[in-house]
All heavy atoms as atom14 arrays in JSON, in Angstrom:
{
  "sequence": "QADAVMIGDTTHDADTARAMGADCILYSGGHCGRD",
  "atom14_mask": [
    [1, 1, 1, 1, 1, 1, 1, 1, 1, 0, 0, 0, 0, 0],
    [1, 1, 1, 1, 1, 0, 0, 0, 0, 0, 0, 0, 0, 0],
    [1, 1, 1, 1, 1, 1, 1, 1, 0, 0, 0, 0, 0, 0],
    [1, 1, 1, 1, 1, 0, 0, 0, 0, 0, 0, 0, 0, 0],
    [1, 1, 1, 1, 1, 1, 1, 0, 0, 0, 0, 0, 0, 0],
    [1, 1, 1, 1, 1, 1, 1, 1, 0, 0, 0, 0, 0, 0],
    [1, 1, 1, 1, 1, 1, 1, 1, 0, 0, 0, 0, 0, 0],
    [1, 1, 1, 1, 0, 0, 0, 0, 0, 0, 0, 0, 0, 0],
    [1, 1, 1, 1, 1, 1, 1, 1, 0, 0, 0, 0, 0, 0],
    [1, 1, 1, 1, 1, 1, 1, 0, 0, 0, 0, 0, 0, 0],
    [1, 1, 1, 1, 1, 1, 1, 0, 0, 0, 0, 0, 0, 0],
    [1, 1, 1, 1, 1, 1, 1, 1, 1, 1, 0, 0, 0, 0],
    [1, 1, 1, 1, 1, 1, 1, 1, 0, 0, 0, 0, 0, 0],
    [1, 1, 1, 1, 1, 0, 0, 0, 0, 0, 0, 0, 0, 0],
    [1, 1, 1, 1, 1, 1, 1, 1, 0, 0, 0, 0, 0, 0],
    [1, 1, 1, 1, 1, 1, 1, 0, 0, 0, 0, 0, 0, 0],
    [1, 1, 1, 1, 1, 0, 0, 0, 0, 0, 0, 0, 0, 0],
    [1, 1, 1, 1, 1, 1, 1, 1, 1, 1, 1, 0, 0, 0],
    [1, 1, 1, 1, 1, 0, 0, 0, 0, 0, 0, 0, 0, 0],
    [1, 1, 1, 1, 1, 1, 1, 1, 0, 0, 0, 0, 0, 0],
    [1, 1, 1, 1, 0, 0, 0, 0, 0, 0, 0, 0, 0, 0],
    [1, 1, 1, 1, 1, 0, 0, 0, 0, 0, 0, 0, 0, 0],
    [1, 1, 1, 1, 1, 1, 1, 1, 0, 0, 0, 0, 0, 0],
    [1, 1, 1, 1, 1, 1, 0, 0, 0, 0, 0, 0, 0, 0],
    [1, 1, 1, 1, 1, 1, 1, 1, 0, 0, 0, 0, 0, 0],
    [1, 1, 1, 1, 1, 1, 1, 1, 0, 0, 0, 0, 0, 0],
    [1, 1, 1, 1, 1, 1, 1, 1, 1, 1, 1, 1, 0, 0],
    [1, 1, 1, 1, 1, 1, 0, 0, 0, 0, 0, 0, 0, 0],
    [1, 1, 1, 1, 0, 0, 0, 0, 0, 0, 0, 0, 0, 0],
    [1, 1, 1, 1, 0, 0, 0, 0, 0, 0, 0, 0, 0, 0],
    [1, 1, 1, 1, 1, 1, 1, 1, 1, 1, 0, 0, 0, 0],
    [1, 1, 1, 1, 1, 1, 0, 0, 0, 0, 0, 0, 0, 0],
    [1, 1, 1, 1, 0, 0, 0, 0, 0, 0, 0, 0, 0, 0],
    [1, 1, 1, 1, 1, 1, 1, 1, 1, 1, 1, 0, 0, 0],
    [1, 1, 1, 1, 1, 1, 1, 1, 0, 0, 0, 0, 0, 0]
  ],
  "atom14_positions": [
    [[45.35, -22.62, 47.84], [44.77, -21.68, 48.8], [45.67, -21.53, 50.03], [45.24, -21.7, 51.16], [43.38, -22.18, 49.21], [42.4, -22.21, 48.08], [42.19, -20.83, 47.49], [41.94, -19.87, 48.21], [42.28, -20.73, 46.18], [0.0, 0.0, 0.0], [0.0, 0.0, 0.0], [0.0, 0.0, 0.0], [0.0, 0.0, 0.0], [0.0, 0.0, 0.0]],
    [[46.93, -21.19, 49.79], [47.91, -21.11, 50.87], [47.53, -20.05, 51.92], [47.98, -20.12, 53.05], [49.29, -20.82, 50.3], [0.0, 0.0, 0.0], [0.0, 0.0, 0.0], [0.0, 0.0, 0.0], [0.0, 0.0, 0.0], [0.0, 0.0, 0.0], [0.0, 0.0, 0.0], [0.0, 0.0, 0.0], [0.0, 0.0, 0.0], [0.0, 0.0, 0.0]],
    [[46.7, -19.07, 51.54], [46.31, -18.04, 52.5], [45.02, -18.38, 53.24], [44.53, -17.6, 54.04], [46.19, -16.7, 51.81], [45.14, -16.69, 50.7], [44.77, -17.79, 50.22], [44.7, -15.6, 50.31], [0.0, 0.0, 0.0], [0.0, 0.0, 0.0], [0.0, 0.0, 0.0], [0.0, 0.0, 0.0], [0.0, 0.0, 0.0], [0.0, 0.0, 0.0]],
    [[44.46, -19.55, 52.97], [43.2, -19.96, 53.61], [43.46, -20.91, 54.78], [44.44, -21.65, 54.79], [42.29, -20.65, 52.6], [0.0, 0.0, 0.0], [0.0, 0.0, 0.0], [0.0, 0.0, 0.0], [0.0, 0.0, 0.0], [0.0, 0.0, 0.0], [0.0, 0.0, 0.0], [0.0, 0.0, 0.0], [0.0, 0.0, 0.0], [0.0, 0.0, 0.0]],
    [[42.57, -20.85, 55.76], [42.62, -21.77, 56.89], [41.24, -22.4, 57.02], [40.24, -21.69, 57.15], [42.98, -21.05, 58.22], [42.94, -22.04, 59.39], [44.33, -20.39, 58.13], [0.0, 0.0, 0.0], [0.0, 0.0, 0.0], [0.0, 0.0, 0.0], [0.0, 0.0, 0.0], [0.0, 0.0, 0.0], [0.0, 0.0, 0.0], [0.0, 0.0, 0.0]],
    [[41.19, -23.71, 56.97], [39.93, -24.41, 57.19], [39.86, -24.79, 58.66], [40.82, -25.33, 59.21], [39.85, -25.66, 56.33], [38.6, -26.48, 56.61], [38.45, -27.89, 55.52], [37.58, -27.15, 54.18], [0.0, 0.0, 0.0], [0.0, 0.0, 0.0], [0.0, 0.0, 0.0], [0.0, 0.0, 0.0], [0.0, 0.0, 0.0], [0.0, 0.0, 0.0]],
    [[38.74, -24.49, 59.29], [38.49, -24.96, 60.64], [37.46, -26.07, 60.51], [36.37, -25.87, 59.98], [37.93, -23.83, 61.54], [38.91, -22.66, 61.62], [37.6, -24.37, 62.93], [38.36, -21.42, 62.28], [0.0, 0.0, 0.0], [0.0, 0.0, 0.0], [0.0, 0.0, 0.0], [0.0, 0.0, 0.0], [0.0, 0.0, 0.0], [0.0, 0.0, 0.0]],
    [[37.84, -27.26, 60.95], [36.96, -28.4, 60.78], [36.97, -29.32, 61.97], [37.74, -29.12, 62.92], [0.0, 0.0, 0.0], [0.0, 0.0, 0.0], [0.0, 0.0, 0.0], [0.0, 0.0, 0.0], [0.0, 0.0, 0.0], [0.0, 0.0, 0.0], [0.0, 0.0, 0.0], [0.0, 0.0, 0.0], [0.0, 0.0, 0.0], [0.0, 0.0, 0.0]],
    [[36.12, -30.32, 61.91], [36.04, -31.26, 63.03], [36.07, -32.71, 62.57], [35.69, -33.6, 63.33], [34.8, -30.98, 63.89], [33.49, -31.18, 63.15], [33.51, -31.43, 61.93], [32.44, -31.11, 63.79], [0.0, 0.0, 0.0], [0.0, 0.0, 0.0], [0.0, 0.0, 0.0], [0.0, 0.0, 0.0], [0.0, 0.0, 0.0], [0.0, 0.0, 0.0]],
    [[36.52, -32.95, 61.34], [36.6, -34.32, 60.82], [37.92, -34.54, 60.09], [38.56, -33.57, 59.65], [35.45, -34.63, 59.84], [35.63, -33.85, 58.65], [34.08, -34.36, 60.45], [0.0, 0.0, 0.0], [0.0, 0.0, 0.0], [0.0, 0.0, 0.0], [0.0, 0.0, 0.0], [0.0, 0.0, 0.0], [0.0, 0.0, 0.0], [0.0, 0.0, 0.0]],
    [[38.27, -35.79, 59.94], [39.44, -36.13, 59.14], [39.21, -35.75, 57.69], [40.15, -35.4, 56.97], [39.79, -37.62, 59.27], [38.66, -38.4, 58.86], [40.15, -37.99, 60.71], [0.0, 0.0, 0.0], [0.0, 0.0, 0.0], [0.0, 0.0, 0.0], [0.0, 0.0, 0.0], [0.0, 0.0, 0.0], [0.0, 0.0, 0.0], [0.0, 0.0, 0.0]],
    [[37.95, -35.79, 57.26], [37.62, -35.38, 55.89], [37.9, -33.89, 55.68], [38.3, -33.47, 54.6], [36.17, -35.73, 55.57], [35.79, -35.46, 54.15], [36.48, -36.0, 53.08], [34.8, -34.71, 53.63], [35.93, -35.59, 51.96], [34.91, -34.81, 52.27], [0.0, 0.0, 0.0], [0.0, 0.0, 0.0], [0.0, 0.0, 0.0], [0.0, 0.0, 0.0]],
    [[37.69, -33.08, 56.73], [38.03, -31.66, 56.62], [39.53, -31.48, 56.39], [39.95, -30.64, 55.6], [37.6, -30.9, 57.89], [36.1, -30.8, 58.01], [35.41, -30.7, 56.97], [35.6, -30.83, 59.15], [0.0, 0.0, 0.0], [0.0, 0.0, 0.0], [0.0, 0.0, 0.0], [0.0, 0.0, 0.0], [0.0, 0.0, 0.0], [0.0, 0.0, 0.0]],
    [[40.34, -32.29, 57.07], [41.78, -32.24, 56.87], [42.13, -32.62, 55.43], [42.96, -31.96, 54.78], [42.5, -33.16, 57.85], [0.0, 0.0, 0.0], [0.0, 0.0, 0.0], [0.0, 0.0, 0.0], [0.0, 0.0, 0.0], [0.0, 0.0, 0.0], [0.0, 0.0, 0.0], [0.0, 0.0, 0.0], [0.0, 0.0, 0.0], [0.0, 0.0, 0.0]],
    [[41.49, -33.67, 54.92], [41.73, -34.09, 53.54], [41.31, -32.99, 52.55], [41.99, -32.75, 51.55], [40.95, -35.36, 53.22], [41.43, -36.56, 54.01], [42.59, -36.54, 54.5], [40.65, -37.52, 54.16], [0.0, 0.0, 0.0], [0.0, 0.0, 0.0], [0.0, 0.0, 0.0], [0.0, 0.0, 0.0], [0.0, 0.0, 0.0], [0.0, 0.0, 0.0]],
    [[40.2, -32.34, 52.84], [39.7, -31.28, 51.98], [40.67, -30.09, 51.99], [40.98, -29.53, 50.93], [38.29, -30.84, 52.41], [37.41, -31.96, 52.32], [37.76, -29.71, 51.56], [0.0, 0.0, 0.0], [0.0, 0.0, 0.0], [0.0, 0.0, 0.0], [0.0, 0.0, 0.0], [0.0, 0.0, 0.0], [0.0, 0.0, 0.0], [0.0, 0.0, 0.0]],
    [[41.16, -29.72, 53.15], [42.13, -28.64, 53.23], [43.38, -28.97, 52.41], [43.89, -28.12, 51.68], [42.51, -28.37, 54.68], [0.0, 0.0, 0.0], [0.0, 0.0, 0.0], [0.0, 0.0, 0.0], [0.0, 0.0, 0.0], [0.0, 0.0, 0.0], [0.0, 0.0, 0.0], [0.0, 0.0, 0.0], [0.0, 0.0, 0.0], [0.0, 0.0, 0.0]],
    [[43.86, -30.19, 52.55], [45.04, -30.61, 51.75], [44.75, -30.51, 50.25], [45.6, -30.05, 49.48], [45.44, -32.03, 52.1], [46.34, -32.11, 53.28], [47.0, -33.49, 53.41], [47.6, -33.55, 54.71], [46.98, -33.96, 55.82], [45.73, -34.37, 55.76], [47.6, -33.96, 56.97], [0.0, 0.0, 0.0], [0.0, 0.0, 0.0], [0.0, 0.0, 0.0]],
    [[43.57, -30.94, 49.84], [43.21, -30.89, 48.42], [43.18, -29.46, 47.9], [43.46, -29.21, 46.74], [41.86, -31.56, 48.19], [0.0, 0.0, 0.0], [0.0, 0.0, 0.0], [0.0, 0.0, 0.0], [0.0, 0.0, 0.0], [0.0, 0.0, 0.0], [0.0, 0.0, 0.0], [0.0, 0.0, 0.0], [0.0, 0.0, 0.0], [0.0, 0.0, 0.0]],
    [[42.85, -28.52, 48.77], [42.79, -27.09, 48.41], [44.14, -26.4, 48.57], [44.28, -25.24, 48.19], [41.78, -26.36, 49.31], [40.36, -26.75, 49.1], [39.27, -26.04, 50.37], [39.8, -24.36, 50.49], [0.0, 0.0, 0.0], [0.0, 0.0, 0.0], [0.0, 0.0, 0.0], [0.0, 0.0, 0.0], [0.0, 0.0, 0.0], [0.0, 0.0, 0.0]],
    [[45.1, -27.08, 49.18], [46.37, -26.42, 49.46], [46.24, -25.42, 50.6], [47.03, -24.47, 50.71], [0.0, 0.0, 0.0], [0.0, 0.0, 0.0], [0.0, 0.0, 0.0], [0.0, 0.0, 0.0], [0.0, 0.0, 0.0], [0.0, 0.0, 0.0], [0.0, 0.0, 0.0], [0.0, 0.0, 0.0], [0.0, 0.0, 0.0], [0.0, 0.0, 0.0]],
    [[45.24, -25.62, 51.47], [45.0, -24.7, 52.58], [45.53, -25.27, 53.88], [45.76, -26.47, 54.0], [43.48, -24.45, 52.73], [0.0, 0.0, 0.0], [0.0, 0.0, 0.0], [0.0, 0.0, 0.0], [0.0, 0.0, 0.0], [0.0, 0.0, 0.0], [0.0, 0.0, 0.0], [0.0, 0.0, 0.0], [0.0, 0.0, 0.0], [0.0, 0.0, 0.0]],
    [[45.72, -24.41, 54.85], [46.06, -24.84, 56.2], [44.78, -25.3, 56.86], [43.68, -25.09, 56.34], [46.7, -23.68, 56.97], [47.57, -24.17, 58.11], [47.57, -25.38, 58.41], [48.24, -23.32, 58.73], [0.0, 0.0, 0.0], [0.0, 0.0, 0.0], [0.0, 0.0, 0.0], [0.0, 0.0, 0.0], [0.0, 0.0, 0.0], [0.0, 0.0, 0.0]],
    [[44.91, -25.93, 58.02], [43.73, -26.47, 58.68], [43.95, -26.49, 60.18], [45.06, -26.73, 60.67], [43.49, -27.9, 58.18], [41.97, -28.66, 58.78], [0.0, 0.0, 0.0], [0.0, 0.0, 0.0], [0.0, 0.0, 0.0], [0.0, 0.0, 0.0], [0.0, 0.0, 0.0], [0.0, 0.0, 0.0], [0.0, 0.0, 0.0], [0.0, 0.0, 0.0]],
    [[42.88, -26.2, 60.93], [42.86, -26.35, 62.37], [41.66, -27.24, 62.66], [40.55, -26.99, 62.16], [42.7, -25.0, 63.08], [43.83, -24.04, 62.7], [42.64, -25.2, 64.6], [43.6, -22.6, 63.17], [0.0, 0.0, 0.0], [0.0, 0.0, 0.0], [0.0, 0.0, 0.0], [0.0, 0.0, 0.0], [0.0, 0.0, 0.0], [0.0, 0.0, 0.0]],
    [[41.89, -28.26, 63.44], [40.83, -29.22, 63.73], [40.32, -29.07, 65.17], [41.12, -28.89, 66.09], [41.33, -30.64, 63.47], [41.72, -30.89, 62.01], [42.5, -32.18, 61.87], [40.48, -30.89, 61.13], [0.0, 0.0, 0.0], [0.0, 0.0, 0.0], [0.0, 0.0, 0.0], [0.0, 0.0, 0.0], [0.0, 0.0, 0.0], [0.0, 0.0, 0.0]],
    [[39.01, -29.13, 65.33], [38.34, -28.94, 66.61], [37.85, -30.3, 67.13], [37.07, -30.96, 66.46], [37.19, -27.96, 66.42], [36.25, -27.85, 67.57], [36.69, -27.45, 68.83], [34.9, -28.13, 67.42], [35.81, -27.34, 69.89], [34.0, -28.01, 68.47], [34.47, -27.62, 69.71], [33.6, -27.51, 70.76], [0.0, 0.0, 0.0], [0.0, 0.0, 0.0]],
    [[38.32, -30.67, 68.31], [38.02, -32.0, 68.85], [36.63, -32.12, 69.47], [36.23, -33.21, 69.88], [39.06, -32.39, 69.89], [38.96, -31.55, 71.04], [0.0, 0.0, 0.0], [0.0, 0.0, 0.0], [0.0, 0.0, 0.0], [0.0, 0.0, 0.0], [0.0, 0.0, 0.0], [0.0, 0.0, 0.0], [0.0, 0.0, 0.0], [0.0, 0.0, 0.0]],
    [[35.86, -31.05, 69.5], [34.54, -31.08, 70.11], [33.43, -31.4, 69.13], [32.26, -31.16, 69.43], [0.0, 0.0, 0.0], [0.0, 0.0, 0.0], [0.0, 0.0, 0.0], [0.0, 0.0, 0.0], [0.0, 0.0, 0.0], [0.0, 0.0, 0.0], [0.0, 0.0, 0.0], [0.0, 0.0, 0.0], [0.0, 0.0, 0.0], [0.0, 0.0, 0.0]],
    [[33.76, -31.95, 67.98], [32.75, -32.21, 66.96], [32.62, -33.68, 66.61], [32.51, -34.53, 67.49], [0.0, 0.0, 0.0], [0.0, 0.0, 0.0], [0.0, 0.0, 0.0], [0.0, 0.0, 0.0], [0.0, 0.0, 0.0], [0.0, 0.0, 0.0], [0.0, 0.0, 0.0], [0.0, 0.0, 0.0], [0.0, 0.0, 0.0], [0.0, 0.0, 0.0]],
    [[32.67, -33.97, 65.32], [32.36, -35.31, 64.82], [33.42, -36.36, 65.04], [33.1, -37.55, 65.13], [32.04, -35.24, 63.32], [30.74, -34.57, 63.03], [29.53, -35.14, 63.34], [30.45, -33.38, 62.47], [28.56, -34.35, 62.97], [29.08, -33.25, 62.46], [0.0, 0.0, 0.0], [0.0, 0.0, 0.0], [0.0, 0.0, 0.0], [0.0, 0.0, 0.0]],
    [[34.68, -36.0, 65.1], [35.75, -36.99, 65.25], [36.49, -36.79, 66.58], [36.62, -35.65, 67.04], [36.76, -36.89, 64.11], [36.14, -37.46, 62.53], [0.0, 0.0, 0.0], [0.0, 0.0, 0.0], [0.0, 0.0, 0.0], [0.0, 0.0, 0.0], [0.0, 0.0, 0.0], [0.0, 0.0, 0.0], [0.0, 0.0, 0.0], [0.0, 0.0, 0.0]],
    [[36.99, -37.86, 67.11], [37.74, -37.78, 68.36], [39.12, -37.19, 68.17], [39.66, -37.13, 67.07], [0.0, 0.0, 0.0], [0.0, 0.0, 0.0], [0.0, 0.0, 0.0], [0.0, 0.0, 0.0], [0.0, 0.0, 0.0], [0.0, 0.0, 0.0], [0.0, 0.0, 0.0], [0.0, 0.0, 0.0], [0.0, 0.0, 0.0], [0.0, 0.0, 0.0]],
    [[39.69, -36.75, 69.26], [40.98, -36.07, 69.26], [42.09, -36.93, 68.64], [42.89, -36.43, 67.84], [41.35, -35.7, 70.71], [42.65, -34.96, 70.84], [42.88, -34.49, 72.28], [44.11, -33.78, 72.39], [44.36, -32.55, 71.91], [43.41, -31.92, 71.27], [45.53, -31.98, 72.07], [0.0, 0.0, 0.0], [0.0, 0.0, 0.0], [0.0, 0.0, 0.0]],
    [[42.15, -38.22, 68.98], [43.22, -39.08, 68.45], [43.16, -39.18, 66.93], [44.2, -39.11, 66.26], [43.17, -40.46, 69.09], [43.58, -40.45, 70.56], [44.22, -39.46, 71.0], [43.24, -41.41, 71.26], [0.0, 0.0, 0.0], [0.0, 0.0, 0.0], [0.0, 0.0, 0.0], [0.0, 0.0, 0.0], [0.0, 0.0, 0.0], [0.0, 0.0, 0.0]]
  ]
}
């Protein structure tokens, strides 16, 4: 899914984007901290 972008707020969202072959933008105002 190289043309997809996942917007998420967890490290699991990042893992899911990688599994899909998608890009990802993470939002620090949700479930996981910025670091």
